């Protein structure tokens, strides 16, 4: 009986750890989807205002933005959004 209780406890602990891994992944995916949306919006503004900013940062391919986000941490993608915003701010000055 003691072995069955121990096995059940270990299974419950393992299941709680596996579900904990899913939540951060879902949050990261949502963050990258949001990042991709904002990055695309900024890239479109570059095009609309004819700023002439170029490079991967300014691609109109949302999947590329989301894929890049998935390879970096939150600090990197937040910095990228800020840098893009600064460049747009300076457009036309």
PDB file of N, CA and C in Angstrom:
ATOM      1  N   UNK A   1       0.821  -1.188   0.000  1.00  0.00           N
ATOM      2  CA  UNK A   1       0.000   0.000   0.000  1.00  0.00           C
ATOM      3  C   UNK A   1       0.869   1.258   0.000  1.00  0.00           C
ATOM      4  N   UNK A   2       1.924   1.256   0.792  1.00  0.00           N
ATOM      5  CA  UNK A   2       2.808   2.410   0.881  1.00  0.00           C
ATOM      6  C   UNK A   2       3.421   2.729  -0.475  1.00  0.00           C
ATOM      7  N   UNK A   3       3.780   1.710  -1.234  1.00  0.00           N
ATOM      8  CA  UNK A   3       4.356   1.895  -2.567  1.00  0.00           C
ATOM      9  C   UNK A   3       3.371   2.536  -3.523  1.00  0.00           C
ATOM     10  N   UNK A   4       2.102   2.161  -3.416  1.00  0.00           N
ATOM     11  CA  UNK A   4       1.073   2.739  -4.290  1.00  0.00           C
ATOM     12  C   UNK A   4       0.873   4.216  -3.979  1.00  0.00           C
ATOM     13  N   UNK A   5       0.904   4.588  -2.709  1.00  0.00           N
ATOM     14  CA  UNK A   5       0.748   5.990  -2.312  1.00  0.00           C
ATOM     15  C   UNK A   5       1.937   6.792  -2.806  1.00  0.00           C
ATOM     16  N   UNK A   6       3.129   6.240  -2.648  1.00  0.00           N
ATOM     17  CA  UNK A   6       4.330   6.931  -3.109  1.00  0.00           C
ATOM     18  C   UNK A   6       4.289   7.133  -4.624  1.00  0.00           C
ATOM     19  N   UNK A   7       3.886   6.095  -5.357  1.00  0.00           N
ATOM     20  CA  UNK A   7       3.793   6.194  -6.816  1.00  0.00           C
ATOM     21  C   UNK A   7       2.766   7.252  -7.207  1.00  0.00           C
ATOM     22  N   UNK A   8       1.617   7.267  -6.562  1.00  0.00           N
ATOM     23  CA  UNK A   8       0.576   8.257  -6.872  1.00  0.00           C
ATOM     24  C   UNK A   8       1.078   9.664  -6.573  1.00  0.00           C
ATOM     25  N   UNK A   9       1.785   9.831  -5.467  1.00  0.00           N
ATOM     26  CA  UNK A   9       2.332  11.143  -5.108  1.00  0.00           C
ATOM     27  C   UNK A   9       3.351  11.597  -6.139  1.00  0.00           C
ATOM     28  N   UNK A  10       4.230  10.683  -6.535  1.00  0.00           N
ATOM     29  CA  UNK A  10       5.248  11.033  -7.521  1.00  0.00           C
ATOM     30  C   UNK A  10       4.604  11.401  -8.856  1.00  0.00           C
ATOM     31  N   UNK A  11       3.536  10.691  -9.230  1.00  0.00           N
ATOM     32  CA  UNK A  11       2.846  11.000 -10.484  1.00  0.00           C
ATOM     33  C   UNK A  11       2.189  12.377 -10.404  1.00  0.00           C
ATOM     34  N   UNK A  12       1.608  12.703  -9.261  1.00  0.00           N
ATOM     35  CA  UNK A  12       0.960  14.007  -9.100  1.00  0.00           C
ATOM     36  C   UNK A  12       1.988  15.127  -9.186  1.00  0.00           C
ATOM     37  N   UNK A  13       3.132  14.922  -8.554  1.00  0.00           N
ATOM     38  CA  UNK A  13       4.200  15.926  -8.616  1.00  0.00           C
ATOM     39  C   UNK A  13       4.699  16.079 -10.045  1.00  0.00           C
ATOM     40  N   UNK A  14       4.919  14.976 -10.736  1.00  0.00           N
ATOM     41  CA  UNK A  14       5.397  15.021 -12.121  1.00  0.00           C
ATOM     42  C   UNK A  14       4.392  15.732 -13.019  1.00  0.00           C
ATOM     43  N   UNK A  15       3.112  15.467 -12.815  1.00  0.00           N
ATOM     44  CA  UNK A  15       2.092  16.118 -13.642  1.00  0.00           C
ATOM     45  C   UNK A  15       2.045  17.616 -13.367  1.00  0.00           C
ATOM     46  N   UNK A  16       2.231  18.020 -12.114  1.00  0.00           N
ATOM     47  CA  UNK A  16       2.193  19.454 -11.824  1.00  0.00           C
ATOM     48  C   UNK A  16       3.402  20.153 -12.439  1.00  0.00           C
ATOM     49  N   UNK A  17       4.572  19.506 -12.439  1.00  0.00           N
ATOM     50  CA  UNK A  17       5.743  20.100 -13.077  1.00  0.00           C
ATOM     51  C   UNK A  17       5.564  20.194 -14.583  1.00  0.00           C
ATOM     52  N   UNK A  18       4.968  19.170 -15.195  1.00  0.00           N
ATOM     53  CA  UNK A  18       4.790  19.218 -16.647  1.00  0.00           C
ATOM     54  C   UNK A  18       3.792  20.295 -17.029  1.00  0.00           C
ATOM     55  N   UNK A  19       2.769  20.528 -16.241  1.00  0.00           N
ATOM     56  CA  UNK A  19       1.806  21.582 -16.561  1.00  0.00           C
ATOM     57  C   UNK A  19       2.425  22.953 -16.335  1.00  0.00           C
ATOM     58  N   UNK A  20       3.358  23.068 -15.406  1.00  0.00           N
ATOM     59  CA  UNK A  20       4.036  24.351 -15.178  1.00  0.00           C
ATOM     60  C   UNK A  20       4.864  24.739 -16.394  1.00  0.00           C
ATOM     61  N   UNK A  21       5.411  23.780 -17.102  1.00  0.00           N
ATOM     62  CA  UNK A  21       6.219  24.065 -18.282  1.00  0.00           C
ATOM     63  C   UNK A  21       5.352  24.571 -19.428  1.00  0.00           C
ATOM     64  N   UNK A  22       4.107  24.153 -19.483  1.00  0.00           N
ATOM     65  CA  UNK A  22       3.212  24.551 -20.567  1.00  0.00           C
ATOM     66  C   UNK A  22       2.815  26.016 -20.424  1.00  0.00           C
ATOM     67  N   UNK A  23       2.576  26.484 -19.209  1.00  0.00           N
ATOM     68  CA  UNK A  23       2.144  27.863 -18.996  1.00  0.00           C
ATOM     69  C   UNK A  23       3.188  28.862 -19.482  1.00  0.00           C
ATOM     70  N   UNK A  24       4.474  28.766 -19.080  1.00  0.00           N
ATOM     71  CA  UNK A  24       5.447  29.723 -19.606  1.00  0.00           C
ATOM     72  C   UNK A  24       5.578  29.655 -21.124  1.00  0.00           C
ATOM     73  N   UNK A  25       5.457  28.476 -21.709  1.00  0.00           N
ATOM     74  CA  UNK A  25       5.537  28.349 -23.162  1.00  0.00           C
ATOM     75  C   UNK A  25       4.379  29.090 -23.819  1.00  0.00           C
ATOM     76  N   UNK A  26       3.184  28.926 -23.272  1.00  0.00           N
ATOM     77  CA  UNK A  26       2.014  29.618 -23.825  1.00  0.00           C
ATOM     78  C   UNK A  26       2.176  31.122 -23.700  1.00  0.00           C
ATOM     79  N   UNK A  27       2.702  31.578 -22.574  1.00  0.00           N
ATOM     80  CA  UNK A  27       2.924  33.019 -22.372  1.00  0.00           C
ATOM     81  C   UNK A  27       3.969  33.523 -23.349  1.00  0.00           C
ATOM     82  N   UNK A  28       5.054  32.779 -23.532  1.00  0.00           N
ATOM     83  CA  UNK A  28       6.098  33.187 -24.475  1.00  0.00           C
ATOM     84  C   UNK A  28       5.542  33.259 -25.889  1.00  0.00           C
ATOM     85  N   UNK A  29       4.710  32.293 -26.264  1.00  0.00           N
ATOM     86  CA  UNK A  29       4.121  32.309 -27.611  1.00  0.00           C
ATOM     87  C   UNK A  29       3.203  33.513 -27.786  1.00  0.00           C
ATOM     88  N   UNK A  30       2.431  33.826 -26.755  1.00  0.00           N
ATOM     89  CA  UNK A  30       1.548  34.993 -26.824  1.00  0.00           C
ATOM     90  C   UNK A  30       2.371  36.282 -26.892  1.00  0.00           C
ATOM     91  N   UNK A  31       3.435  36.352 -26.096  1.00  0.00           N
ATOM     92  CA  UNK A  31       4.313  37.526 -26.135  1.00  0.00           C
ATOM     93  C   UNK A  31       4.910  37.708 -27.522  1.00  0.00           C
ATOM     94  N   UNK A  32       5.363  36.624 -28.127  1.00  0.00           N
ATOM     95  CA  UNK A  32       5.968  36.722 -29.459  1.00  0.00           C
ATOM     96  C   UNK A  32       4.930  37.065 -30.523  1.00  0.00           C
ATOM     97  N   UNK A  33       3.715  36.589 -30.354  1.00  0.00           N
ATOM     98  CA  UNK A  33       2.648  36.981 -31.289  1.00  0.00           C
ATOM     99  C   UNK A  33       2.389  38.478 -31.180  1.00  0.00           C
ATOM    100  N   UNK A  34       2.353  38.981 -29.944  1.00  0.00           N
ATOM    101  CA  UNK A  34       2.164  40.421 -29.738  1.00  0.00           C
ATOM    102  C   UNK A  34       3.352  41.208 -30.282  1.00  0.00           C
ATOM    103  N   UNK A  35       4.550  40.710 -30.025  1.00  0.00           N
ATOM    104  CA  UNK A  35       5.747  41.364 -30.557  1.00  0.00           C
ATOM    105  C   UNK A  35       5.670  41.419 -32.086  1.00  0.00           C
ATOM    106  N   UNK A  36       5.310  40.307 -32.710  1.00  0.00           N
ATOM    107  CA  UNK A  36       5.217  40.257 -34.162  1.00  0.00           C
ATOM    108  C   UNK A  36       4.228  41.268 -34.697  1.00  0.00           C
ATOM    109  N   UNK A  37       3.091  41.393 -34.038  1.00  0.00           N
ATOM    110  CA  UNK A  37       2.076  42.373 -34.446  1.00  0.00           C
ATOM    111  C   UNK A  37       2.641  43.794 -34.366  1.00  0.00           C
ATOM    112  N   UNK A  38       3.286  44.119 -33.247  1.00  0.00           N
ATOM    113  CA  UNK A  38       3.844  45.468 -33.077  1.00  0.00           C
ATOM    114  C   UNK A  38       4.991  45.733 -34.047  1.00  0.00           C
ATOM    115  N   UNK A  39       5.841  44.743 -34.256  1.00  0.00           N
ATOM    116  CA  UNK A  39       6.966  44.901 -35.184  1.00  0.00           C
ATOM    117  C   UNK A  39       6.445  45.138 -36.603  1.00  0.00           C
ATOM    118  N   UNK A  40       5.424  44.391 -36.993  1.00  0.00           N
ATOM    119  CA  UNK A  40       4.837  44.570 -38.315  1.00  0.00           C
ATOM    120  C   UNK A  40       4.195  45.949 -38.442  1.00  0.00           C
ATOM    121  N   UNK A  41       3.532  46.386 -37.400  1.00  0.00           N
ATOM    122  CA  UNK A  41       2.923  47.722 -37.397  1.00  0.00           C
ATOM    123  C   UNK A  41       3.995  48.798 -37.591  1.00  0.00           C
ATOM    124  N   UNK A  42       5.127  48.642 -36.911  1.00  0.00           N
ATOM    125  CA  UNK A  42       6.228  49.589 -37.064  1.00  0.00           C
ATOM    126  C   UNK A  42       6.819  49.529 -38.469  1.00  0.00           C
ATOM    127  N   UNK A  43       6.962  48.326 -39.003  1.00  0.00           N
ATOM    128  CA  UNK A  43       7.510  48.175 -40.358  1.00  0.00           C
ATOM    129  C   UNK A  43       6.578  48.813 -41.390  1.00  0.00           C
ATOM    130  N   UNK A  44       5.286  48.661 -41.175  1.00  0.00           N
ATOM    131  CA  UNK A  44       4.325  49.282 -42.087  1.00  0.00           C
ATOM    132  C   UNK A  44       4.371  50.806 -41.987  1.00  0.00           C
ATOM    133  N   UNK A  45       4.585  51.308 -40.783  1.00  0.00           N
ATOM    134  CA  UNK A  45       4.717  52.759 -40.609  1.00  0.00           C
ATOM    135  C   UNK A  45       5.951  53.268 -41.352  1.00  0.00           C
ATOM    136  N   UNK A  46       7.037  52.515 -41.304  1.00  0.00           N
ATOM    137  CA  UNK A  46       8.240  52.849 -42.058  1.00  0.00           C
ATOM    138  C   UNK A  46       7.910  52.971 -43.544  1.00  0.00           C
ATOM    139  N   UNK A  47       7.158  52.024 -44.058  1.00  0.00           N
ATOM    140  CA  UNK A  47       6.762  52.043 -45.471  1.00  0.00           C
ATOM    141  C   UNK A  47       5.827  53.221 -45.758  1.00  0.00           C
ATOM    142  N   UNK A  48       4.816  53.381 -44.918  1.00  0.00           N
ATOM    143  CA  UNK A  48       3.808  54.422 -45.129  1.00  0.00           C
ATOM    144  C   UNK A  48       4.424  55.822 -45.124  1.00  0.00           C
ATOM    145  N   UNK A  49       5.352  56.033 -44.202  1.00  0.00           N
ATOM    146  CA  UNK A  49       5.991  57.352 -44.078  1.00  0.00           C
ATOM    147  C   UNK A  49       7.190  57.508 -45.004  1.00  0.00           C
ATOM    148  N   UNK A  50       7.513  56.438 -45.731  1.00  0.00           N
ATOM    149  CA  UNK A  50       8.654  56.448 -46.654  1.00  0.00           C
ATOM    150  C   UNK A  50       9.953  56.855 -45.944  1.00  0.00           C
ATOM    151  N   UNK A  51      10.176  56.227 -44.783  1.00  0.00           N
ATOM    152  CA  UNK A  51      11.388  56.515 -44.003  1.00  0.00           C
ATOM    153  C   UNK A  51      12.630  55.914 -44.649  1.00  0.00           C
ATOM    154  N   UNK A  52      12.465  54.830 -45.398  1.00  0.00           N
ATOM    155  CA  UNK A  52      13.597  54.195 -46.062  1.00  0.00           C
ATOM    156  C   UNK A  52      14.446  53.326 -45.149  1.00  0.00           C
ATOM    157  N   UNK A  53      13.931  52.990 -43.975  1.00  0.00           N
ATOM    158  CA  UNK A  53      14.681  52.142 -43.049  1.00  0.00           C
ATOM    159  C   UNK A  53      14.671  50.718 -43.588  1.00  0.00           C
ATOM    160  N   UNK A  54      15.835  50.058 -43.535  1.00  0.00           N
ATOM    161  CA  UNK A  54      15.974  48.743 -44.165  1.00  0.00           C
ATOM    162  C   UNK A  54      16.608  47.733 -43.231  1.00  0.00           C
ATOM    163  N   UNK A  55      16.585  46.491 -43.670  1.00  0.00           N
ATOM    164  CA  UNK A  55      17.180  45.395 -42.922  1.00  0.00           C
ATOM    165  C   UNK A  55      16.113  44.502 -42.326  1.00  0.00           C
ATOM    166  N   UNK A  56      16.524  43.421 -41.675  1.00  0.00           N
ATOM    167  CA  UNK A  56      15.578  42.453 -41.110  1.00  0.00           C
ATOM    168  C   UNK A  56      14.606  43.090 -40.116  1.00  0.00           C
ATOM    169  N   UNK A  57      15.040  44.108 -39.433  1.00  0.00           N
ATOM    170  CA  UNK A  57      14.203  44.808 -38.462  1.00  0.00           C
ATOM    171  C   UNK A  57      12.939  45.362 -39.121  1.00  0.00           C
ATOM    172  N   UNK A  58      13.011  45.644 -40.406  1.00  0.00           N
ATOM    173  CA  UNK A  58      11.926  46.332 -41.104  1.00  0.00           C
ATOM    174  C   UNK A  58      11.160  45.436 -42.077  1.00  0.00           C
ATOM    175  N   UNK A  59      11.317  44.129 -41.952  1.00  0.00           N
ATOM    176  CA  UNK A  59      10.597  43.220 -42.846  1.00  0.00           C
ATOM    177  C   UNK A  59       9.088  43.310 -42.614  1.00  0.00           C
ATOM    178  N   UNK A  60       8.348  43.105 -43.668  1.00  0.00           N
ATOM    179  CA  UNK A  60       6.884  43.079 -43.581  1.00  0.00           C
ATOM    180  C   UNK A  60       6.367  41.651 -43.387  1.00  0.00           C
ATOM    181  N   UNK A  61       7.266  40.737 -43.055  1.00  0.00           N
ATOM    182  CA  UNK A  61       6.929  39.330 -42.826  1.00  0.00           C
ATOM    183  C   UNK A  61       6.761  39.100 -41.325  1.00  0.00           C
ATOM    184  N   UNK A  62       5.518  39.064 -40.886  1.00  0.00           N
ATOM    185  CA  UNK A  62       5.251  38.903 -39.453  1.00  0.00           C
ATOM    186  C   UNK A  62       5.834  37.599 -38.919  1.00  0.00           C
ATOM    187  N   UNK A  63       5.790  36.531 -39.732  1.00  0.00           N
ATOM    188  CA  UNK A  63       6.349  35.251 -39.263  1.00  0.00           C
ATOM    189  C   UNK A  63       7.828  35.376 -38.936  1.00  0.00           C
ATOM    190  N   UNK A  64       8.549  36.188 -39.691  1.00  0.00           N
ATOM    191  CA  UNK A  64       9.977  36.392 -39.416  1.00  0.00           C
ATOM    192  C   UNK A  64      10.166  37.088 -38.068  1.00  0.00           C
ATOM    193  N   UNK A  65       9.325  38.070 -37.769  1.00  0.00           N
ATOM    194  CA  UNK A  65       9.417  38.762 -36.477  1.00  0.00           C
ATOM    195  C   UNK A  65       9.112  37.801 -35.326  1.00  0.00           C
ATOM    196  N   UNK A  66       8.058  37.008 -35.483  1.00  0.00           N
ATOM    197  CA  UNK A  66       7.670  36.060 -34.431  1.00  0.00           C
ATOM    198  C   UNK A  66       8.758  35.001 -34.247  1.00  0.00           C
ATOM    199  N   UNK A  67       9.309  34.501 -35.339  1.00  0.00           N
ATOM    200  CA  UNK A  67      10.366  33.485 -35.254  1.00  0.00           C
ATOM    201  C   UNK A  67      11.595  34.040 -34.553  1.00  0.00           C
ATOM    202  N   UNK A  68      11.968  35.283 -34.866  1.00  0.00           N
ATOM    203  CA  UNK A  68      13.123  35.898 -34.193  1.00  0.00           C
ATOM    204  C   UNK A  68      12.850  36.026 -32.705  1.00  0.00           C
ATOM    205  N   UNK A  69      11.671  36.492 -32.364  1.00  0.00           N
ATOM    206  CA  UNK A  69      11.296  36.670 -30.954  1.00  0.00           C
ATOM    207  C   UNK A  69      11.443  35.366 -30.175  1.00  0.00           C
ATOM    208  N   UNK A  70      11.093  34.267 -30.804  1.00  0.00           N
ATOM    209  CA  UNK A  70      11.154  32.965 -30.138  1.00  0.00           C
ATOM    210  C   UNK A  70      12.583  32.543 -29.813  1.00  0.00           C
ATOM    211  N   UNK A  71      13.570  33.213 -30.406  1.00  0.00           N
ATOM    212  CA  UNK A  71      14.974  32.847 -30.167  1.00  0.00           C
ATOM    213  C   UNK A  71      15.651  33.724 -29.122  1.00  0.00           C
ATOM    214  N   UNK A  72      14.930  34.739 -28.623  1.00  0.00           N
ATOM    215  CA  UNK A  72      15.526  35.667 -27.664  1.00  0.00           C
ATOM    216  C   UNK A  72      14.635  35.793 -26.438  1.00  0.00           C
ATOM    217  N   UNK A  73      15.172  36.417 -25.416  1.00  0.00           N
ATOM    218  CA  UNK A  73      14.405  36.649 -24.198  1.00  0.00           C
ATOM    219  C   UNK A  73      13.621  37.951 -24.278  1.00  0.00           C
ATOM    220  N   UNK A  74      12.780  38.182 -23.282  1.00  0.00           N
ATOM    221  CA  UNK A  74      11.944  39.379 -23.276  1.00  0.00           C
ATOM    222  C   UNK A  74      12.729  40.689 -23.342  1.00  0.00           C
ATOM    223  N   UNK A  75      13.868  40.737 -22.696  1.00  0.00           N
ATOM    224  CA  UNK A  75      14.650  41.980 -22.732  1.00  0.00           C
ATOM    225  C   UNK A  75      15.064  42.330 -24.160  1.00  0.00           C
ATOM    226  N   UNK A  76      15.468  41.314 -24.932  1.00  0.00           N
ATOM    227  CA  UNK A  76      15.921  41.562 -26.310  1.00  0.00           C
ATOM    228  C   UNK A  76      14.782  42.050 -27.194  1.00  0.00           C
ATOM    229  N   UNK A  77      13.610  41.385 -27.127  1.00  0.00           N
ATOM    230  CA  UNK A  77      12.544  41.827 -28.022  1.00  0.00           C
ATOM    231  C   UNK A  77      11.963  43.163 -27.590  1.00  0.00           C
ATOM    232  N   UNK A  78      11.984  43.454 -26.302  1.00  0.00           N
ATOM    233  CA  UNK A  78      11.530  44.777 -25.841  1.00  0.00           C
ATOM    234  C   UNK A  78      12.494  45.862 -26.318  1.00  0.00           C
ATOM    235  N   UNK A  79      13.779  45.572 -26.251  1.00  0.00           N
ATOM    236  CA  UNK A  79      14.787  46.522 -26.747  1.00  0.00           C
ATOM    237  C   UNK A  79      14.597  46.759 -28.237  1.00  0.00           C
ATOM    238  N   UNK A  80      14.327  45.710 -28.974  1.00  0.00           N
ATOM    239  CA  UNK A  80      14.129  45.827 -30.423  1.00  0.00           C
ATOM    240  C   UNK A  80      12.937  46.731 -30.737  1.00  0.00           C
ATOM    241  N   UNK A  81      11.847  46.587 -30.003  1.00  0.00           N
ATOM    242  CA  UNK A  81      10.692  47.466 -30.207  1.00  0.00           C
ATOM    243  C   UNK A  81      11.053  48.929 -29.927  1.00  0.00           C
ATOM    244  N   UNK A  82      11.818  49.148 -28.859  1.00  0.00           N
ATOM    245  CA  UNK A  82      12.226  50.522 -28.515  1.00  0.00           C
ATOM    246  C   UNK A  82      13.138  51.110 -29.588  1.00  0.00           C
ATOM    247  N   UNK A  83      14.077  50.308 -30.079  1.00  0.00           N
ATOM    248  CA  UNK A  83      15.002  50.797 -31.109  1.00  0.00           C
ATOM    249  C   UNK A  83      14.256  51.137 -32.392  1.00  0.00           C
ATOM    250  N   UNK A  84      13.302  50.314 -32.738  1.00  0.00           N
ATOM    251  CA  UNK A  84      12.510  50.578 -33.933  1.00  0.00           C
ATOM    252  C   UNK A  84      11.696  51.859 -33.742  1.00  0.00           C
ATOM    253  N   UNK A  85      11.138  52.046 -32.549  1.00  0.00           N
ATOM    254  CA  UNK A  85      10.353  53.253 -32.259  1.00  0.00           C
ATOM    255  C   UNK A  85      11.235  54.504 -32.356  1.00  0.00           C
ATOM    256  N   UNK A  86      12.462  54.415 -31.845  1.00  0.00           N
ATOM    257  CA  UNK A  86      13.394  55.555 -31.930  1.00  0.00           C
ATOM    258  C   UNK A  86      13.692  55.901 -33.381  1.00  0.00           C
ATOM    259  N   UNK A  87      13.929  54.883 -34.183  1.00  0.00           N
ATOM    260  CA  UNK A  87      14.232  55.119 -35.595  1.00  0.00           C
ATOM    261  C   UNK A  87      13.053  55.787 -36.293  1.00  0.00           C
ATOM    262  N   UNK A  88      11.846  55.368 -35.978  1.00  0.00           N
ATOM    263  CA  UNK A  88      10.668  55.968 -36.573  1.00  0.00           C
ATOM    264  C   UNK A  88      10.486  57.403 -36.094  1.00  0.00           C
ATOM    265  N   UNK A  89      10.825  57.640 -34.836  1.00  0.00           N
ATOM    266  CA  UNK A  89      10.754  58.994 -34.289  1.00  0.00           C
ATOM    267  C   UNK A  89      11.666  59.947 -35.058  1.00  0.00           C
ATOM    268  N   UNK A  90      12.816  59.458 -35.446  1.00  0.00           N
ATOM    269  CA  UNK A  90      13.800  60.279 -36.159  1.00  0.00           C
ATOM    270  C   UNK A  90      13.518  60.381 -37.666  1.00  0.00           C
ATOM    271  N   UNK A  91      12.547  59.638 -38.128  1.00  0.00           N
ATOM    272  CA  UNK A  91      12.214  59.656 -39.555  1.00  0.00           C
ATOM    273  C   UNK A  91      11.676  61.038 -39.939  1.00  0.00           C
ATOM    274  N   UNK A  92      12.289  61.627 -40.940  1.00  0.00           N
ATOM    275  CA  UNK A  92      11.818  62.905 -41.429  1.00  0.00           C
ATOM    276  C   UNK A  92      12.392  64.111 -40.706  1.00  0.00           C
ATOM    277  N   UNK A  93      13.293  63.879 -39.785  1.00  0.00           N
ATOM    278  CA  UNK A  93      13.917  65.007 -39.071  1.00  0.00           C
ATOM    279  C   UNK A  93      15.062  65.569 -39.845  1.00  0.00           C
TER     280      UNK A  93
END
